[in-house]
PDB file of all heavy atoms in Angstrom:
ATOM      1  N   GLU A   1     220.709 -27.530 103.443  1.00  0.00           N
ATOM      2  CA  GLU A   1     221.921 -28.089 104.042  1.00  0.00           C
ATOM      3  C   GLU A   1     221.639 -29.358 104.850  1.00  0.00           C
ATOM      4  O   GLU A   1     222.193 -29.566 105.941  1.00  0.00           O
ATOM      5  CB  GLU A   1     222.623 -27.039 104.917  1.00  0.00           C
ATOM      6  CG  GLU A   1     223.084 -25.827 104.113  1.00  0.00           C
ATOM      7  CD  GLU A   1     223.795 -24.786 104.963  1.00  0.00           C
ATOM      8  OE1 GLU A   1     223.793 -24.919 106.208  1.00  0.00           O
ATOM      9  OE2 GLU A   1     224.346 -23.829 104.384  1.00  0.00           O
ATOM     10  N   GLY A   2     220.762 -30.207 104.328  1.00  0.00           N
ATOM     11  CA  GLY A   2     220.522 -31.507 104.940  1.00  0.00           C
ATOM     12  C   GLY A   2     219.568 -31.509 106.111  1.00  0.00           C
ATOM     13  O   GLY A   2     219.350 -32.564 106.730  1.00  0.00           O
ATOM     14  N   LYS A   3     218.981 -30.387 106.426  1.00  0.00           N
ATOM     15  CA  LYS A   3     218.068 -30.325 107.569  1.00  0.00           C
ATOM     16  C   LYS A   3     216.732 -30.979 107.239  1.00  0.00           C
ATOM     17  O   LYS A   3     216.391 -31.193 106.082  1.00  0.00           O
ATOM     18  CB  LYS A   3     217.871 -28.871 108.001  1.00  0.00           C
ATOM     19  CG  LYS A   3     219.149 -28.240 108.537  1.00  0.00           C
ATOM     20  CD  LYS A   3     218.952 -26.770 108.882  1.00  0.00           C
ATOM     21  CE  LYS A   3     220.257 -26.169 109.392  1.00  0.00           C
ATOM     22  NZ  LYS A   3     220.142 -24.715 109.638  1.00  0.00           N
ATOM     23  N   LYS A   4     215.976 -31.247 108.290  1.00  0.00           N
ATOM     24  CA  LYS A   4     214.679 -31.901 108.125  1.00  0.00           C
ATOM     25  C   LYS A   4     213.580 -30.858 107.951  1.00  0.00           C
ATOM     26  O   LYS A   4     213.727 -29.693 108.309  1.00  0.00           O
ATOM     27  CB  LYS A   4     214.373 -32.777 109.342  1.00  0.00           C
ATOM     28  CG  LYS A   4     215.340 -33.941 109.533  1.00  0.00           C
ATOM     29  CD  LYS A   4     214.997 -34.717 110.810  1.00  0.00           C
ATOM     30  CE  LYS A   4     215.985 -35.858 111.056  1.00  0.00           C
ATOM     31  NZ  LYS A   4     215.689 -36.569 112.326  1.00  0.00           N
ATOM     32  N   ASP A   5     212.450 -31.316 107.437  1.00  0.00           N
ATOM     33  CA  ASP A   5     211.259 -30.474 107.313  1.00  0.00           C
ATOM     34  C   ASP A   5     210.864 -29.975 108.714  1.00  0.00           C
ATOM     35  O   ASP A   5     210.614 -30.770 109.613  1.00  0.00           O
ATOM     36  CB  ASP A   5     210.125 -31.299 106.702  1.00  0.00           C
ATOM     37  CG  ASP A   5     208.996 -30.436 106.151  1.00  0.00           C
ATOM     38  OD1 ASP A   5     208.962 -29.235 106.433  1.00  0.00           O
ATOM     39  OD2 ASP A   5     208.136 -30.996 105.432  1.00  0.00           O
ATOM     40  N   GLY A   6     210.821 -28.660 108.887  1.00  0.00           N
ATOM     41  CA  GLY A   6     210.500 -28.084 110.192  1.00  0.00           C
ATOM     42  C   GLY A   6     211.704 -27.541 110.929  1.00  0.00           C
ATOM     43  O   GLY A   6     211.542 -26.781 111.897  1.00  0.00           O
ATOM     44  N   GLU A   7     212.909 -27.916 110.513  1.00  0.00           N
ATOM     45  CA  GLU A   7     214.123 -27.357 111.117  1.00  0.00           C
ATOM     46  C   GLU A   7     214.462 -26.036 110.437  1.00  0.00           C
ATOM     47  O   GLU A   7     214.475 -25.935 109.217  1.00  0.00           O
ATOM     48  CB  GLU A   7     215.297 -28.324 110.979  1.00  0.00           C
ATOM     49  CG  GLU A   7     215.203 -29.545 111.862  1.00  0.00           C
ATOM     50  CD  GLU A   7     216.480 -30.359 111.833  1.00  0.00           C
ATOM     51  OE1 GLU A   7     217.384 -30.094 112.634  1.00  0.00           O
ATOM     52  OE2 GLU A   7     216.577 -31.271 110.979  1.00  0.00           O
ATOM     53  N   LEU A   8     214.751 -25.037 111.238  1.00  0.00           N
ATOM     54  CA  LEU A   8     215.016 -23.692 110.725  1.00  0.00           C
ATOM     55  C   LEU A   8     216.329 -23.636 109.962  1.00  0.00           C
ATOM     56  O   LEU A   8     217.353 -24.138 110.420  1.00  0.00           O
ATOM     57  CB  LEU A   8     215.049 -22.687 111.883  1.00  0.00           C
ATOM     58  CG  LEU A   8     215.415 -21.243 111.523  1.00  0.00           C
ATOM     59  CD1 LEU A   8     214.395 -20.634 110.572  1.00  0.00           C
ATOM     60  CD2 LEU A   8     215.539 -20.402 112.795  1.00  0.00           C
ATOM     61  N   HIS A   9     216.273 -22.979 108.801  1.00  0.00           N
ATOM     62  CA  HIS A   9     217.466 -22.737 107.990  1.00  0.00           C
ATOM     63  C   HIS A   9     217.532 -21.241 107.679  1.00  0.00           C
ATOM     64  O   HIS A   9     216.517 -20.624 107.354  1.00  0.00           O
ATOM     65  CB  HIS A   9     217.397 -23.539 106.686  1.00  0.00           C
ATOM     66  CG  HIS A   9     218.542 -23.315 105.761  1.00  0.00           C
ATOM     67  ND1 HIS A   9     219.847 -23.539 106.123  1.00  0.00           N
ATOM     68  CD2 HIS A   9     218.580 -22.868 104.474  1.00  0.00           C
ATOM     69  CE1 HIS A   9     220.645 -23.257 105.099  1.00  0.00           C
ATOM     70  NE2 HIS A   9     219.903 -22.849 104.096  1.00  0.00           N
ATOM     71  N   GLN A  10     218.705 -20.654 107.830  1.00  0.00           N
ATOM     72  CA  GLN A  10     218.889 -19.229 107.559  1.00  0.00           C
ATOM     73  C   GLN A  10     220.038 -19.035 106.564  1.00  0.00           C
ATOM     74  O   GLN A  10     221.189 -18.900 106.952  1.00  0.00           O
ATOM     75  CB  GLN A  10     219.157 -18.467 108.862  1.00  0.00           C
ATOM     76  CG  GLN A  10     217.950 -18.468 109.800  1.00  0.00           C
ATOM     77  CD  GLN A  10     218.193 -17.735 111.095  1.00  0.00           C
ATOM     78  OE1 GLN A  10     218.670 -18.324 112.064  1.00  0.00           O
ATOM     79  NE2 GLN A  10     217.878 -16.447 111.119  1.00  0.00           N
ATOM     80  N   PRO A  11     219.710 -18.997 105.276  1.00  0.00           N
ATOM     81  CA  PRO A  11     220.762 -18.911 104.254  1.00  0.00           C
ATOM     82  C   PRO A  11     221.447 -17.558 104.168  1.00  0.00           C
ATOM     83  O   PRO A  11     222.533 -17.460 103.613  1.00  0.00           O
ATOM     84  CB  PRO A  11     219.997 -19.216 102.953  1.00  0.00           C
ATOM     85  CG  PRO A  11     218.590 -18.827 103.239  1.00  0.00           C
ATOM     86  CD  PRO A  11     218.366 -19.124 104.685  1.00  0.00           C
ATOM     87  N   LYS A  12     220.772 -16.499 104.665  1.00  0.00           N
ATOM     88  CA  LYS A  12     221.323 -15.140 104.630  1.00  0.00           C
ATOM     89  C   LYS A  12     221.708 -14.726 103.203  1.00  0.00           C
ATOM     90  O   LYS A  12     222.798 -14.206 102.948  1.00  0.00           O
ATOM     91  CB  LYS A  12     222.511 -15.002 105.590  1.00  0.00           C
ATOM     92  CG  LYS A  12     222.129 -15.224 107.042  1.00  0.00           C
ATOM     93  CD  LYS A  12     223.251 -14.890 107.994  1.00  0.00           C
ATOM     94  CE  LYS A  12     222.861 -15.182 109.434  1.00  0.00           C
ATOM     95  NZ  LYS A  12     221.710 -14.397 109.898  1.00  0.00           N
ATOM     96  N   ILE A  13     220.789 -14.998 102.288  1.00  0.00           N
ATOM     97  CA  ILE A  13     220.922 -14.611 100.881  1.00  0.00           C
ATOM     98  C   ILE A  13     219.672 -13.823 100.507  1.00  0.00           C
ATOM     99  O   ILE A  13     218.569 -14.143 100.969  1.00  0.00           O
ATOM    100  CB  ILE A  13     221.052 -15.850  99.966  1.00  0.00           C
ATOM    101  CG1 ILE A  13     222.248 -16.709 100.381  1.00  0.00           C
ATOM    102  CG2 ILE A  13     221.177 -15.440  98.494  1.00  0.00           C
ATOM    103  CD1 ILE A  13     222.321 -18.052  99.652  1.00  0.00           C
ATOM    104  N   PHE A  14     219.815 -12.798  99.694  1.00  0.00           N
ATOM    105  CA  PHE A  14     218.682 -11.998  99.236  1.00  0.00           C
ATOM    106  C   PHE A  14     217.608 -12.939  98.693  1.00  0.00           C
ATOM    107  O   PHE A  14     217.875 -13.779  97.831  1.00  0.00           O
ATOM    108  CB  PHE A  14     219.162 -11.032  98.158  1.00  0.00           C
ATOM    109  CG  PHE A  14     218.161  -9.991  97.757  1.00  0.00           C
ATOM    110  CD1 PHE A  14     217.615  -9.117  98.680  1.00  0.00           C
ATOM    111  CD2 PHE A  14     217.779  -9.861  96.428  1.00  0.00           C
ATOM    112  CE1 PHE A  14     216.705  -8.144  98.298  1.00  0.00           C
ATOM    113  CE2 PHE A  14     216.873  -8.893  96.033  1.00  0.00           C
ATOM    114  CZ  PHE A  14     216.327  -8.031  96.979  1.00  0.00           C
ATOM    115  N   THR A  15     216.394 -12.832  99.202  1.00  0.00           N
ATOM    116  CA  THR A  15     215.388 -13.872  98.938  1.00  0.00           C
ATOM    117  C   THR A  15     215.078 -14.104  97.458  1.00  0.00           C
ATOM    118  O   THR A  15     214.964 -15.266  97.045  1.00  0.00           O
ATOM    119  CB  THR A  15     214.083 -13.602  99.716  1.00  0.00           C
ATOM    120  OG1 THR A  15     213.633 -12.277  99.442  1.00  0.00           O
ATOM    121  CG2 THR A  15     214.295 -13.767 101.205  1.00  0.00           C
ATOM    122  N   PRO A  16     214.910 -13.088  96.614  1.00  0.00           N
ATOM    123  CA  PRO A  16     214.661 -13.392  95.192  1.00  0.00           C
ATOM    124  C   PRO A  16     215.805 -14.183  94.560  1.00  0.00           C
ATOM    125  O   PRO A  16     215.557 -15.096  93.757  1.00  0.00           O
ATOM    126  CB  PRO A  16     214.520 -12.010  94.548  1.00  0.00           C
ATOM    127  CG  PRO A  16     214.081 -11.120  95.662  1.00  0.00           C
ATOM    128  CD  PRO A  16     214.792 -11.631  96.869  1.00  0.00           C
ATOM    129  N   LYS A  17     217.036 -13.852  94.927  1.00  0.00           N
ATOM    130  CA  LYS A  17     218.195 -14.572  94.392  1.00  0.00           C
ATOM    131  C   LYS A  17     218.183 -16.020  94.873  1.00  0.00           C
ATOM    132  O   LYS A  17     218.360 -16.963  94.079  1.00  0.00           O
ATOM    133  CB  LYS A  17     219.482 -13.893  94.833  1.00  0.00           C
ATOM    134  CG  LYS A  17     220.746 -14.590  94.368  1.00  0.00           C
ATOM    135  CD  LYS A  17     222.003 -13.850  94.834  1.00  0.00           C
ATOM    136  CE  LYS A  17     223.263 -14.551  94.347  1.00  0.00           C
ATOM    137  NZ  LYS A  17     224.487 -13.820  94.797  1.00  0.00           N
ATOM    138  N   ASN A  18     217.958 -16.209  96.166  1.00  0.00           N
ATOM    139  CA  ASN A  18     217.954 -17.552  96.751  1.00  0.00           C
ATOM    140  C   ASN A  18     216.854 -18.421  96.157  1.00  0.00           C
ATOM    141  O   ASN A  18     217.087 -19.571  95.764  1.00  0.00           O
ATOM    142  CB  ASN A  18     217.780 -17.430  98.269  1.00  0.00           C
ATOM    143  CG  ASN A  18     217.830 -18.765  98.966  1.00  0.00           C
ATOM    144  OD1 ASN A  18     218.727 -19.572  98.726  1.00  0.00           O
ATOM    145  ND2 ASN A  18     216.857 -19.017  99.822  1.00  0.00           N
ATOM    146  N   GLU A  19     215.648 -17.864  96.069  1.00  0.00           N
ATOM    147  CA  GLU A  19     214.517 -18.640  95.546  1.00  0.00           C
ATOM    148  C   GLU A  19     214.674 -18.933  94.061  1.00  0.00           C
ATOM    149  O   GLU A  19     214.327 -20.032  93.597  1.00  0.00           O
ATOM    150  CB  GLU A  19     213.218 -17.898  95.821  1.00  0.00           C
ATOM    151  CG  GLU A  19     212.851 -17.875  97.302  1.00  0.00           C
ATOM    152  CD  GLU A  19     211.901 -16.755  97.696  1.00  0.00           C
ATOM    153  OE1 GLU A  19     211.353 -16.095  96.780  1.00  0.00           O
ATOM    154  OE2 GLU A  19     211.719 -16.523  98.906  1.00  0.00           O
ATOM    155  N   ALA A  20     215.201 -17.975  93.301  1.00  0.00           N
ATOM    156  CA  ALA A  20     215.435 -18.210  91.873  1.00  0.00           C
ATOM    157  C   ALA A  20     216.414 -19.372  91.671  1.00  0.00           C
ATOM    158  O   ALA A  20     216.227 -20.209  90.776  1.00  0.00           O
ATOM    159  CB  ALA A  20     215.952 -16.942  91.202  1.00  0.00           C
ATOM    160  N   GLN A  21     217.462 -19.430  92.512  1.00  0.00           N
ATOM    161  CA  GLN A  21     218.427 -20.531  92.415  1.00  0.00           C
ATOM    162  C   GLN A  21     217.743 -21.870  92.667  1.00  0.00           C
ATOM    163  O   GLN A  21     217.992 -22.858  91.945  1.00  0.00           O
ATOM    164  CB  GLN A  21     219.553 -20.334  93.438  1.00  0.00           C
ATOM    165  CG  GLN A  21     220.505 -19.191  93.107  1.00  0.00           C
ATOM    166  CD  GLN A  21     221.507 -18.931  94.223  1.00  0.00           C
ATOM    167  OE1 GLN A  21     221.326 -19.357  95.362  1.00  0.00           O
ATOM    168  NE2 GLN A  21     222.568 -18.205  93.899  1.00  0.00           N
ATOM    169  N   LYS A  22     216.878 -21.905  93.663  1.00  0.00           N
ATOM    170  CA  LYS A  22     216.190 -23.156  93.999  1.00  0.00           C
ATOM    171  C   LYS A  22     215.205 -23.553  92.893  1.00  0.00           C
ATOM    172  O   LYS A  22     215.040 -24.746  92.590  1.00  0.00           O
ATOM    173  CB  LYS A  22     215.457 -23.020  95.333  1.00  0.00           C
ATOM    174  CG  LYS A  22     216.374 -22.735  96.516  1.00  0.00           C
ATOM    175  CD  LYS A  22     217.377 -23.857  96.711  1.00  0.00           C
ATOM    176  CE  LYS A  22     218.335 -23.603  97.863  1.00  0.00           C
ATOM    177  NZ  LYS A  22     219.337 -22.572  97.594  1.00  0.00           N
ATOM    178  N   ILE A  23     214.573 -22.581  92.280  1.00  0.00           N
ATOM    179  CA  ILE A  23     213.644 -22.879  91.182  1.00  0.00           C
ATOM    180  C   ILE A  23     214.399 -23.410  89.973  1.00  0.00           C
ATOM    181  O   ILE A  23     213.951 -24.371  89.325  1.00  0.00           O
ATOM    182  CB  ILE A  23     212.828 -21.623  90.818  1.00  0.00           C
ATOM    183  CG1 ILE A  23     211.858 -21.284  91.954  1.00  0.00           C
ATOM    184  CG2 ILE A  23     212.055 -21.837  89.512  1.00  0.00           C
ATOM    185  CD1 ILE A  23     211.168 -19.950  91.806  1.00  0.00           C
ATOM    186  N   VAL A  24     215.546 -22.820  89.670  1.00  0.00           N
ATOM    187  CA  VAL A  24     216.364 -23.310  88.557  1.00  0.00           C
ATOM    188  C   VAL A  24     216.771 -24.761  88.800  1.00  0.00           C
ATOM    189  O   VAL A  24     216.695 -25.610  87.896  1.00  0.00           O
ATOM    190  CB  VAL A  24     217.599 -22.405  88.364  1.00  0.00           C
ATOM    191  CG1 VAL A  24     218.622 -23.074  87.437  1.00  0.00           C
ATOM    192  CG2 VAL A  24     217.189 -21.048  87.797  1.00  0.00           C
ATOM    193  N   GLU A  25     217.186 -25.078  90.021  1.00  0.00           N
ATOM    194  CA  GLU A  25     217.559 -26.454  90.356  1.00  0.00           C
ATOM    195  C   GLU A  25     216.358 -27.397  90.223  1.00  0.00           C
ATOM    196  O   GLU A  25     216.500 -28.535  89.756  1.00  0.00           O
ATOM    197  CB  GLU A  25     218.113 -26.505  91.781  1.00  0.00           C
ATOM    198  CG  GLU A  25     219.460 -25.804  91.927  1.00  0.00           C
ATOM    199  CD  GLU A  25     219.859 -25.607  93.387  1.00  0.00           C
ATOM    200  OE1 GLU A  25     219.145 -26.111  94.283  1.00  0.00           O
ATOM    201  OE2 GLU A  25     220.876 -24.917  93.623  1.00  0.00           O
ATOM    202  N   TYR A  26     215.191 -26.916  90.625  1.00  0.00           N
ATOM    203  CA  TYR A  26     213.971 -27.727  90.494  1.00  0.00           C
ATOM    204  C   TYR A  26     213.660 -28.001  89.024  1.00  0.00           C
ATOM    205  O   TYR A  26     213.311 -29.128  88.647  1.00  0.00           O
ATOM    206  CB  TYR A  26     212.805 -26.985  91.159  1.00  0.00           C
ATOM    207  CG  TYR A  26     211.464 -27.658  90.999  1.00  0.00           C
ATOM    208  CD1 TYR A  26     211.090 -28.719  91.814  1.00  0.00           C
ATOM    209  CD2 TYR A  26     210.561 -27.218  90.035  1.00  0.00           C
ATOM    210  CE1 TYR A  26     209.848 -29.336  91.670  1.00  0.00           C
ATOM    211  CE2 TYR A  26     209.315 -27.829  89.891  1.00  0.00           C
ATOM    212  CZ  TYR A  26     208.970 -28.881  90.705  1.00  0.00           C
ATOM    213  OH  TYR A  26     207.744 -29.489  90.559  1.00  0.00           O
ATOM    214  N   LEU A  27     213.797 -26.982  88.185  1.00  0.00           N
ATOM    215  CA  LEU A  27     213.528 -27.162  86.763  1.00  0.00           C
ATOM    216  C   LEU A  27     214.544 -28.109  86.114  1.00  0.00           C
ATOM    217  O   LEU A  27     214.196 -28.904  85.245  1.00  0.00           O
ATOM    218  CB  LEU A  27     213.538 -25.800  86.056  1.00  0.00           C
ATOM    219  CG  LEU A  27     212.397 -24.842  86.433  1.00  0.00           C
ATOM    220  CD1 LEU A  27     212.630 -23.473  85.811  1.00  0.00           C
ATOM    221  CD2 LEU A  27     211.047 -25.401  85.990  1.00  0.00           C
ATOM    222  N   GLN A  28     215.795 -28.028  86.541  1.00  0.00           N
ATOM    223  CA  GLN A  28     216.825 -28.918  85.997  1.00  0.00           C
ATOM    224  C   GLN A  28     216.614 -30.356  86.448  1.00  0.00           C
ATOM    225  O   GLN A  28     216.995 -31.299  85.746  1.00  0.00           O
ATOM    226  CB  GLN A  28     218.205 -28.417  86.434  1.00  0.00           C
ATOM    227  CG  GLN A  28     218.596 -27.092  85.786  1.00  0.00           C
ATOM    228  CD  GLN A  28     219.893 -26.515  86.340  1.00  0.00           C
ATOM    229  OE1 GLN A  28     220.364 -26.935  87.410  1.00  0.00           O
ATOM    230  NE2 GLN A  28     220.471 -25.548  85.641  1.00  0.00           N
ATOM    231  N   ASN A  29     216.050 -30.522  87.622  1.00  0.00           N
ATOM    232  CA  ASN A  29     215.631 -31.836  88.134  1.00  0.00           C
ATOM    233  C   ASN A  29     216.773 -32.847  88.182  1.00  0.00           C
ATOM    234  O   ASN A  29     216.590 -34.037  87.885  1.00  0.00           O
ATOM    235  CB  ASN A  29     214.475 -32.387  87.288  1.00  0.00           C
ATOM    236  CG  ASN A  29     213.669 -33.444  88.031  1.00  0.00           C
ATOM    237  OD1 ASN A  29     213.626 -33.453  89.257  1.00  0.00           O
ATOM    238  ND2 ASN A  29     213.034 -34.335  87.276  1.00  0.00           N
ATOM    239  N   LYS A  30     217.928 -32.394  88.595  1.00  0.00           N
ATOM    240  CA  LYS A  30     219.090 -33.284  88.638  1.00  0.00           C
ATOM    241  C   LYS A  30     218.947 -34.371  89.697  1.00  0.00           C
ATOM    242  O   LYS A  30     219.544 -35.440  89.600  1.00  0.00           O
ATOM    243  CB  LYS A  30     220.354 -32.460  88.890  1.00  0.00           C
ATOM    244  CG  LYS A  30     220.736 -31.562  87.720  1.00  0.00           C
ATOM    245  CD  LYS A  30     221.985 -30.750  88.020  1.00  0.00           C
ATOM    246  CE  LYS A  30     222.351 -29.854  86.848  1.00  0.00           C
ATOM    247  NZ  LYS A  30     223.550 -29.012  87.138  1.00  0.00           N
ATOM    248  N   ASN A  31     218.140 -34.088  90.716  1.00  0.00           N
ATOM    249  CA  ASN A  31     217.962 -35.055  91.799  1.00  0.00           C
ATOM    250  C   ASN A  31     216.638 -35.830  91.689  1.00  0.00           C
ATOM    251  O   ASN A  31     216.217 -36.480  92.648  1.00  0.00           O
ATOM    252  CB  ASN A  31     218.022 -34.345  93.151  1.00  0.00           C
ATOM    253  CG  ASN A  31     219.379 -33.722  93.396  1.00  0.00           C
ATOM    254  OD1 ASN A  31     220.413 -34.346  93.172  1.00  0.00           O
ATOM    255  ND2 ASN A  31     219.374 -32.470  93.854  1.00  0.00           N
ATOM    256  N   SER A  32     216.006 -35.732  90.516  1.00  0.00           N
ATOM    257  CA  SER A  32     214.755 -36.464  90.234  1.00  0.00           C
ATOM    258  C   SER A  32     213.694 -36.224  91.314  1.00  0.00           C
ATOM    259  O   SER A  32     213.046 -37.150  91.805  1.00  0.00           O
ATOM    260  CB  SER A  32     215.039 -37.970  90.105  1.00  0.00           C
ATOM    261  OG  SER A  32     215.951 -38.212  89.058  1.00  0.00           O
ATOM    262  N   GLU A  33     213.519 -34.958  91.651  1.00  0.00           N
ATOM    263  CA  GLU A  33     212.539 -34.606  92.689  1.00  0.00           C
ATOM    264  C   GLU A  33     211.147 -34.357  92.115  1.00  0.00           C
ATOM    265  O   GLU A  33     210.208 -34.071  92.851  1.00  0.00           O
ATOM    266  CB  GLU A  33     213.037 -33.383  93.458  1.00  0.00           C
ATOM    267  CG  GLU A  33     214.166 -33.732  94.401  1.00  0.00           C
ATOM    268  CD  GLU A  33     215.151 -32.586  94.612  1.00  0.00           C
ATOM    269  OE1 GLU A  33     215.137 -31.618  93.838  1.00  0.00           O
ATOM    270  OE2 GLU A  33     215.961 -32.686  95.545  1.00  0.00           O
ATOM    271  N   ARG A  34     211.016 -34.445  90.821  1.00  0.00           N
ATOM    272  CA  ARG A  34     209.707 -34.395  90.181  1.00  0.00           C
ATOM    273  C   ARG A  34     209.710 -35.346  88.990  1.00  0.00           C
ATOM    274  O   ARG A  34     210.779 -35.785  88.539  1.00  0.00           O
ATOM    275  CB  ARG A  34     209.369 -32.971  89.721  1.00  0.00           C
ATOM    276  CG  ARG A  34     210.305 -32.388  88.669  1.00  0.00           C
ATOM    277  CD  ARG A  34     209.925 -30.950  88.340  1.00  0.00           C
ATOM    278  NE  ARG A  34     210.848 -30.356  87.374  1.00  0.00           N
ATOM    279  CZ  ARG A  34     210.720 -30.428  86.058  1.00  0.00           C
ATOM    280  NH1 ARG A  34     209.683 -31.075  85.528  1.00  0.00           N
ATOM    281  NH2 ARG A  34     211.603 -29.866  85.255  1.00  0.00           N
ATOM    282  N   ASP A  35     208.552 -35.644  88.485  1.00  0.00           N
ATOM    283  CA  ASP A  35     208.394 -36.557  87.357  1.00  0.00           C
ATOM    284  C   ASP A  35     208.429 -35.738  86.070  1.00  0.00           C
ATOM    285  O   ASP A  35     207.511 -34.953  85.798  1.00  0.00           O
ATOM    286  CB  ASP A  35     207.063 -37.296  87.492  1.00  0.00           C
ATOM    287  CG  ASP A  35     206.868 -38.361  86.418  1.00  0.00           C
ATOM    288  OD1 ASP A  35     207.618 -38.344  85.422  1.00  0.00           O
ATOM    289  OD2 ASP A  35     205.951 -39.186  86.575  1.00  0.00           O
ATOM    290  N   ASN A  36     209.475 -35.915  85.281  1.00  0.00           N
ATOM    291  CA  ASN A  36     209.621 -35.140  84.042  1.00  0.00           C
ATOM    292  C   ASN A  36     208.505 -35.396  83.038  1.00  0.00           C
ATOM    293  O   ASN A  36     208.304 -34.605  82.113  1.00  0.00           O
ATOM    294  CB  ASN A  36     210.971 -35.452  83.382  1.00  0.00           C
ATOM    295  CG  ASN A  36     212.112 -34.688  84.016  1.00  0.00           C
ATOM    296  OD1 ASN A  36     211.929 -33.568  84.494  1.00  0.00           O
ATOM    297  ND2 ASN A  36     213.289 -35.289  84.036  1.00  0.00           N
ATOM    298  N   ASN A  37     207.797 -36.497  83.207  1.00  0.00           N
ATOM    299  CA  ASN A  37     206.704 -36.810  82.284  1.00  0.00           C
ATOM    300  C   ASN A  37     205.415 -36.079  82.634  1.00  0.00           C
ATOM    301  O   ASN A  37     204.446 -36.130  81.877  1.00  0.00           O
ATOM    302  CB  ASN A  37     206.448 -38.325  82.272  1.00  0.00           C
ATOM    303  CG  ASN A  37     207.628 -39.091  81.697  1.00  0.00           C
ATOM    304  OD1 ASN A  37     208.188 -38.698  80.669  1.00  0.00           O
ATOM    305  ND2 ASN A  37     208.015 -40.160  82.363  1.00  0.00           N
ATOM    306  N   LYS A  38     205.410 -35.432  83.790  1.00  0.00           N
ATOM    307  CA  LYS A  38     204.232 -34.683  84.221  1.00  0.00           C
ATOM    308  C   LYS A  38     204.449 -33.187  84.021  1.00  0.00           C
ATOM    309  O   LYS A  38     205.578 -32.701  84.134  1.00  0.00           O
ATOM    310  CB  LYS A  38     203.951 -34.937  85.708  1.00  0.00           C
ATOM    311  CG  LYS A  38     203.475 -36.321  86.062  1.00  0.00           C
ATOM    312  CD  LYS A  38     203.182 -36.369  87.561  1.00  0.00           C
ATOM    313  CE  LYS A  38     202.646 -37.718  87.993  1.00  0.00           C
ATOM    314  NZ  LYS A  38     202.330 -37.720  89.453  1.00  0.00           N
ATOM    315  N   PRO A  39     203.389 -32.448  83.771  1.00  0.00           N
ATOM    316  CA  PRO A  39     203.508 -30.994  83.806  1.00  0.00           C
ATOM    317  C   PRO A  39     203.639 -30.543  85.261  1.00  0.00           C
ATOM    318  O   PRO A  39     203.363 -31.307  86.183  1.00  0.00           O
ATOM    319  CB  PRO A  39     202.194 -30.509  83.197  1.00  0.00           C
ATOM    320  CG  PRO A  39     201.220 -31.604  83.494  1.00  0.00           C
ATOM    321  CD  PRO A  39     202.012 -32.885  83.476  1.00  0.00           C
TER     322      PRO A  39
END
């Protein structure tokens, strides 16, 4: 939610569900947060 590295965030979502959502977003790479040409 726009916070900085080190600022506490409490999503209050079951952790496997929350982390799976974030991993899916990372794999989709809509925000170009990784280089698609790299493994």
